[in-house]
Protein backbone atom coordinates (compact mmCIF):
# COMPACT_ATOMS: atom_id res chain seq x y z
CA MET A 1 0.00 0.00 0.00
CA THR A 2 1.33 3.46 -0.94
CA SER A 3 1.55 5.86 1.97
CA ALA A 4 -0.42 9.12 1.89
CA PRO A 5 1.54 12.29 1.11
CA VAL A 6 3.11 13.87 4.19
CA ILE A 7 4.31 17.09 2.56
CA GLU A 8 1.91 18.40 -0.05
CA VAL A 9 2.52 21.46 -2.19
CA SER A 10 -0.56 22.46 -4.18
CA ASN A 11 -0.68 25.21 -6.81
CA LEU A 12 1.92 27.12 -4.78
CA THR A 13 2.86 30.58 -6.01
CA LYS A 14 5.18 33.03 -4.30
CA ARG A 15 5.88 36.50 -5.64
CA PHE A 16 8.33 39.09 -4.40
CA GLY A 17 7.11 42.25 -6.08
CA ASP A 18 7.33 41.63 -9.82
CA LEU A 19 9.49 38.52 -9.34
CA VAL A 20 7.63 35.20 -9.51
CA ALA A 21 9.88 32.88 -7.49
CA VAL A 22 7.45 29.94 -7.40
CA ASP A 23 4.81 29.55 -10.07
CA GLY A 24 1.89 27.16 -9.53
CA LEU A 25 4.14 24.45 -8.12
CA GLU A 26 2.65 21.04 -7.28
CA PHE A 27 4.35 18.01 -5.74
CA SER A 28 4.05 15.60 -2.85
CA VAL A 29 6.53 13.86 -0.55
CA ARG A 30 5.81 10.55 1.18
CA SER A 31 7.16 8.88 4.29
CA GLY A 32 9.77 6.14 4.43
CA ALA A 33 11.87 7.57 1.63
CA VAL A 34 14.53 10.16 0.88
CA THR A 35 13.19 12.66 -1.66
CA GLY A 36 15.73 14.77 -3.53
CA PHE A 37 14.75 18.31 -4.52
CA LEU A 38 16.73 19.56 -7.52
CA GLY A 39 16.79 22.66 -9.67
CA PRO A 40 19.18 25.30 -11.02
CA ASN A 41 20.15 28.34 -8.97
CA GLY A 42 17.17 30.68 -8.86
CA SER A 43 14.69 27.89 -9.61
CA GLY A 44 12.70 28.49 -6.41
CA LYS A 45 13.93 25.56 -4.31
CA SER A 46 14.86 27.56 -1.20
CA THR A 47 11.75 29.74 -1.48
CA THR A 48 9.60 26.60 -1.63
CA LEU A 49 11.26 25.06 1.42
CA ARG A 50 10.97 28.32 3.36
CA THR A 51 7.26 28.41 2.50
CA ILE A 52 6.74 24.82 3.65
CA VAL A 53 8.19 25.68 7.09
CA GLY A 54 6.31 28.96 7.42
CA LEU A 55 9.19 31.40 6.87
CA ASN A 56 7.48 32.70 3.73
CA LEU A 57 3.74 33.16 3.31
CA PRO A 58 2.45 31.91 -0.05
CA THR A 59 0.99 34.43 -2.46
CA SER A 60 -1.49 31.71 -3.39
CA GLY A 61 -1.81 27.96 -3.06
CA THR A 62 -0.80 25.84 -0.09
CA ALA A 63 2.17 23.96 1.38
CA THR A 64 1.14 21.61 4.18
CA ILE A 65 2.66 18.95 6.41
CA ASN A 66 0.24 16.17 7.34
CA GLY A 67 -2.53 18.49 6.20
CA ALA A 68 -1.56 21.37 8.50
CA ASN A 69 0.35 24.61 8.07
CA TYR A 70 3.71 24.60 9.83
CA ARG A 71 2.80 27.85 11.60
CA ASP A 72 -0.13 26.10 13.28
CA LEU A 73 2.04 23.47 14.98
CA LYS A 74 2.18 24.01 18.75
CA HIS A 75 5.66 22.53 19.22
CA PRO A 76 7.05 22.51 15.68
CA LEU A 77 10.44 20.93 16.38
CA ARG A 78 8.74 17.81 17.72
CA GLY A 79 6.94 17.25 14.42
CA VAL A 80 9.17 18.82 11.80
CA GLY A 81 12.94 19.21 11.83
CA ALA A 82 14.28 21.70 9.31
CA PHE A 83 17.66 23.21 8.61
CA LEU A 84 17.76 25.65 5.73
CA ASP A 85 20.65 28.07 6.21
CA PRO A 86 23.76 27.94 8.44
CA LYS A 87 23.86 31.76 8.33
CA SER A 88 20.62 31.83 10.30
CA LEU A 89 22.27 30.32 13.40
CA PRO A 90 22.69 32.83 16.28
CA LYS A 91 26.43 33.41 16.04
CA LYS A 92 27.00 34.85 19.51
CA LEU A 93 25.45 31.88 21.33
CA ARG A 94 27.34 28.75 22.28
CA ALA A 95 26.14 25.67 20.42
CA ARG A 96 25.02 23.75 23.51
CA THR A 97 23.22 26.82 24.89
CA TYR A 98 21.36 27.32 21.63
CA LEU A 99 20.17 23.72 21.56
CA ARG A 100 19.04 23.92 25.21
CA ILE A 101 17.00 27.06 24.46
CA LEU A 102 15.30 25.29 21.56
CA ALA A 103 14.65 22.20 23.66
CA THR A 104 13.08 24.20 26.48
CA SER A 105 10.87 26.26 24.15
CA ASN A 106 9.56 23.08 22.46
CA ARG A 107 9.20 21.04 25.68
CA ILE A 108 11.92 18.61 24.60
CA PRO A 109 13.93 16.92 27.41
CA THR A 110 17.32 18.67 27.72
CA THR A 111 18.98 15.24 27.79
CA ARG A 112 18.18 15.12 24.10
CA VAL A 113 20.70 17.95 23.55
CA GLU A 114 23.67 15.75 24.42
CA ASP A 115 22.24 12.92 22.35
CA VAL A 116 22.14 14.96 19.14
CA LEU A 117 25.51 16.63 19.82
CA ASP A 118 27.08 13.18 20.09
CA PHE A 119 25.21 11.95 17.04
CA VAL A 120 26.43 14.73 14.75
CA GLY A 121 29.96 14.60 16.16
CA ILE A 122 30.37 18.08 17.68
CA ALA A 123 29.96 17.36 21.42
CA SER A 124 33.63 18.20 22.01
CA VAL A 125 33.22 21.73 20.58
CA ALA A 126 29.66 22.46 21.79
CA SER A 127 30.91 25.00 24.34
CA LYS A 128 32.27 27.20 21.54
CA ARG A 129 30.37 30.16 20.19
CA ILE A 130 28.73 29.45 16.86
CA ASP A 131 30.70 32.20 15.13
CA GLU A 132 33.85 30.16 15.87
CA PHE A 133 32.50 27.21 13.88
CA SER A 134 33.68 26.26 10.40
CA LEU A 135 30.99 25.85 7.73
CA GLY A 136 31.12 22.08 8.17
CA MET A 137 30.66 22.36 11.94
CA ALA A 138 27.78 24.79 11.45
CA GLN A 139 26.14 22.32 9.07
CA ARG A 140 26.44 19.57 11.69
CA LEU A 141 24.93 21.88 14.30
CA GLY A 142 22.05 22.61 11.95
CA ILE A 143 21.47 18.90 11.52
CA ALA A 144 21.44 18.58 15.33
CA VAL A 145 18.78 21.31 15.44
CA ALA A 146 16.66 19.42 12.91
CA LEU A 147 16.97 16.15 14.85
CA LEU A 148 16.47 17.67 18.30
CA GLY A 149 12.75 16.96 18.61
CA ASP A 150 13.05 13.44 17.14
CA PRO A 151 10.60 14.53 14.41
CA GLU A 152 8.84 12.41 11.80
CA VAL A 153 9.50 14.96 9.03
CA LEU A 154 12.94 16.33 8.15
CA ILE A 155 13.71 19.07 5.62
CA PHE A 156 17.23 20.09 4.61
CA ASP A 157 18.48 22.75 2.19
CA GLU A 158 22.00 22.02 0.88
CA PRO A 159 23.00 20.06 4.01
CA MET A 160 26.23 18.77 2.47
CA ASN A 161 27.77 22.21 1.85
CA GLY A 162 31.04 22.51 3.73
CA LEU A 163 31.25 18.81 4.61
CA ASP A 164 34.35 16.84 3.71
CA PRO A 165 33.99 13.48 1.87
CA ASP A 166 33.67 11.58 5.16
CA GLY A 167 31.00 14.03 6.28
CA ILE A 168 29.08 13.65 3.03
CA ARG A 169 29.20 9.86 3.35
CA TRP A 170 27.99 10.13 6.94
CA MET A 171 25.16 12.43 5.85
CA ARG A 172 24.03 9.92 3.22
CA GLN A 173 23.91 7.24 5.91
CA VAL A 174 21.88 9.54 8.18
CA PHE A 175 19.30 10.16 5.43
CA SER A 176 19.06 6.45 4.68
CA SER A 177 18.61 5.42 8.31
CA LEU A 178 15.97 8.10 8.93
CA ALA A 179 13.96 6.95 5.90
CA THR A 180 14.31 3.31 6.97
CA GLU A 181 12.72 4.29 10.29
CA GLY A 182 9.68 5.47 8.30
CA ARG A 183 10.41 9.19 8.48
CA THR A 184 9.90 11.69 5.69
CA VAL A 185 13.18 13.18 4.42
CA LEU A 186 13.23 16.03 1.88
CA VAL A 187 16.71 17.13 0.75
CA SER A 188 17.53 20.02 -1.56
CA SER A 189 21.01 19.86 -3.05
CA HIS A 190 23.05 20.96 -6.05
CA LEU A 191 25.15 17.76 -5.70
CA ILE A 192 23.19 15.75 -8.25
CA ASN A 193 25.28 12.60 -7.99
CA GLU A 194 24.91 12.61 -4.20
CA ILE A 195 21.14 12.79 -4.58
CA ALA A 196 21.33 9.91 -7.08
CA THR A 197 23.18 7.89 -4.45
CA CYS A 198 20.84 8.48 -1.51
CA ALA A 199 17.40 9.44 -2.87
CA HIS A 200 14.49 7.15 -3.62
CA HIS A 201 12.42 9.86 -5.30
CA VAL A 202 13.41 13.07 -7.06
CA ILE A 203 11.58 16.33 -7.72
CA VAL A 204 13.05 18.65 -10.37
CA ILE A 205 11.91 22.26 -10.73
CA GLY A 206 12.91 25.15 -12.97
CA GLN A 207 11.81 28.79 -12.92
CA GLY A 208 9.48 27.92 -10.04
CA ARG A 209 7.62 25.21 -11.95
CA LEU A 210 7.61 21.45 -11.71
CA LEU A 211 9.65 19.81 -14.48
CA ALA A 212 9.51 16.20 -13.30
CA GLN A 213 9.02 13.99 -10.29
CA GLY A 214 9.40 10.26 -9.82
CA THR A 215 11.81 7.55 -8.75
CA VAL A 216 15.43 7.77 -9.89
CA ASP A 217 14.71 4.86 -12.26
CA GLU A 218 11.73 6.66 -13.76
CA LEU A 219 13.77 9.78 -14.39
CA THR A 220 16.79 8.00 -15.87
CA VAL A 221 15.20 5.35 -18.11
CA ARG A 222 13.59 6.73 -21.26
CA VAL A 223 10.99 4.96 -23.40
CA ASP A 224 13.65 4.63 -26.13
CA SER A 225 16.51 3.55 -23.86
CA PRO A 226 18.78 1.01 -25.58
CA VAL A 227 19.21 -2.49 -24.23
CA THR A 228 22.25 -4.77 -24.18
CA PHE A 229 22.14 -8.53 -23.97
CA SER A 230 24.42 -11.54 -23.98
CA SER A 231 23.22 -15.04 -24.74
CA ARG A 232 24.31 -18.50 -25.78
CA ASP A 233 23.25 -17.63 -29.34
CA ASN A 234 23.54 -13.91 -29.98
CA ALA A 235 23.12 -14.19 -33.76
CA SER A 236 19.82 -16.07 -33.57
CA LEU A 237 18.37 -13.77 -30.92
CA ALA A 238 19.50 -10.68 -32.86
CA ALA A 239 17.70 -12.00 -35.94
CA LEU A 240 14.51 -12.51 -33.92
CA ILE A 241 14.77 -8.96 -32.55
CA GLU A 242 15.16 -7.51 -36.05
CA GLY A 243 12.16 -9.54 -37.13
CA ARG A 244 10.13 -7.78 -34.42
CA GLY A 245 11.24 -4.34 -35.61
CA GLY A 246 14.18 -3.85 -33.27
CA THR A 247 17.51 -2.53 -34.48
CA VAL A 248 20.85 -4.06 -33.64
CA THR A 249 23.11 -1.02 -33.39
CA GLY A 250 26.26 -2.46 -31.92
CA THR A 251 27.91 -5.75 -31.14
CA GLY A 252 30.72 -6.41 -28.75
CA GLU A 253 32.70 -9.55 -28.17
CA ASN A 254 30.12 -10.87 -25.73
CA SER A 255 27.11 -8.54 -25.95
CA VAL A 256 24.71 -6.98 -28.42
CA THR A 257 23.17 -3.49 -28.21
CA VAL A 258 19.60 -3.05 -29.37
CA SER A 259 17.18 -0.15 -29.84
CA GLY A 260 13.50 -0.03 -30.68
CA ILE A 261 12.47 -2.92 -28.44
CA ASP A 262 12.52 -3.13 -24.66
CA ALA A 263 14.17 -5.65 -22.34
CA GLU A 264 10.90 -7.39 -21.46
CA ALA A 265 10.15 -8.09 -25.12
CA ILE A 266 13.69 -9.34 -25.73
CA GLY A 267 13.41 -11.66 -22.74
CA GLN A 268 10.13 -13.06 -24.05
CA LEU A 269 11.64 -13.66 -27.51
CA ALA A 270 14.55 -15.51 -25.92
CA LEU A 271 12.20 -17.58 -23.77
CA ASP A 272 10.01 -18.55 -26.73
CA ALA A 273 13.07 -19.51 -28.79
CA ARG A 274 14.69 -21.29 -25.84
CA VAL A 275 17.80 -19.14 -26.10
CA VAL A 276 19.63 -18.89 -22.78
CA VAL A 277 20.21 -15.22 -21.90
CA THR A 278 23.16 -14.53 -19.60
CA GLN A 279 22.75 -10.74 -19.41
CA LEU A 280 19.92 -8.34 -20.20
CA VAL A 281 20.34 -4.69 -19.21
CA THR A 282 18.45 -1.49 -20.01
CA LEU A 283 20.96 1.31 -20.45
CA ARG A 284 19.98 4.43 -18.59
CA ASP A 285 21.08 8.03 -18.42
CA SER A 286 22.74 9.19 -15.25
CA LEU A 287 20.55 11.35 -13.04
CA GLU A 288 22.91 14.19 -13.94
CA ASP A 289 22.22 13.68 -17.67
CA SER A 290 18.47 13.57 -17.08
CA TYR A 291 18.64 16.63 -14.83
CA PHE A 292 20.46 18.76 -17.40
CA GLU A 293 18.10 17.62 -20.15
CA LEU A 294 15.10 18.60 -18.00
CA THR A 295 16.47 21.97 -16.86
CA GLU A 296 18.20 23.14 -20.03
CA GLN A 297 15.31 25.34 -21.13
CA SER A 298 14.78 26.82 -17.65
CA LEU A 299 18.29 28.22 -17.15
CA ASP A 300 18.57 32.00 -17.03
CA PHE A 301 21.82 31.73 -18.99
CA LYS A 302 23.76 29.04 -20.80
CA VAL A 303 27.51 28.71 -21.04
CA GLY A 304 28.64 29.15 -24.62
CA HIS A 305 25.42 30.85 -25.78
């Protein structure tokens, strides 16, 4: 059974004067999965996330979490954990003090502060003022803020900025474990390959509008994607494929590349002819390739044009 949407954005529009930052945007995010949120700079990603968590009021449309507006939540950190901008952290406060203030204001046990400091790996520096933190340390503190209330919904905007490779790997593991626990994880990032590694679903926007949403497989396999196969009788199977209107476009020592017919049909042909297939693979674009193809027309400028 498919879970009901947890985050739902419906016909969302946000204008700043004459600038339309978000334009009739619609998408949904479900629990138990990491959802990547992609788009070029200026596409409206941050504005959308800020609207979801009540920092921006929509010009029209809605952005709800479990059917409610974020601003209506009595103790928001216990339901929704969000970290959108390390620059928003209060620089003159010490990290531990800041977390304790948030815990008290949201009726979260203060013991939880030490738990999240240990989890994100900054307990040893938590007595420092936030303005002494590197960008990577500030990102980890922001993640601690998001996790403080042990929420079911987590929203991050560029959480991997400033993290070293070990930190990025750790962050991927955090997202995965949170989703496995059944939580809802929405992650905006410009690191497309990182999203491809950790996300189950992807939403792509451009100029404030939805360009695509679906699983990584759905976004990277096209209807006309070529297929490669290896079998005990490549020549016979290739002849059958051509007889069904497929085109054999390349042959290697051990494999054949085909277009115009999908893997399922090739498998059925092989089964009917009793040809043993040892490999059958649909070639797909990378998420990066699909992303650039989707967003090409929505860029404000193009290199070389």
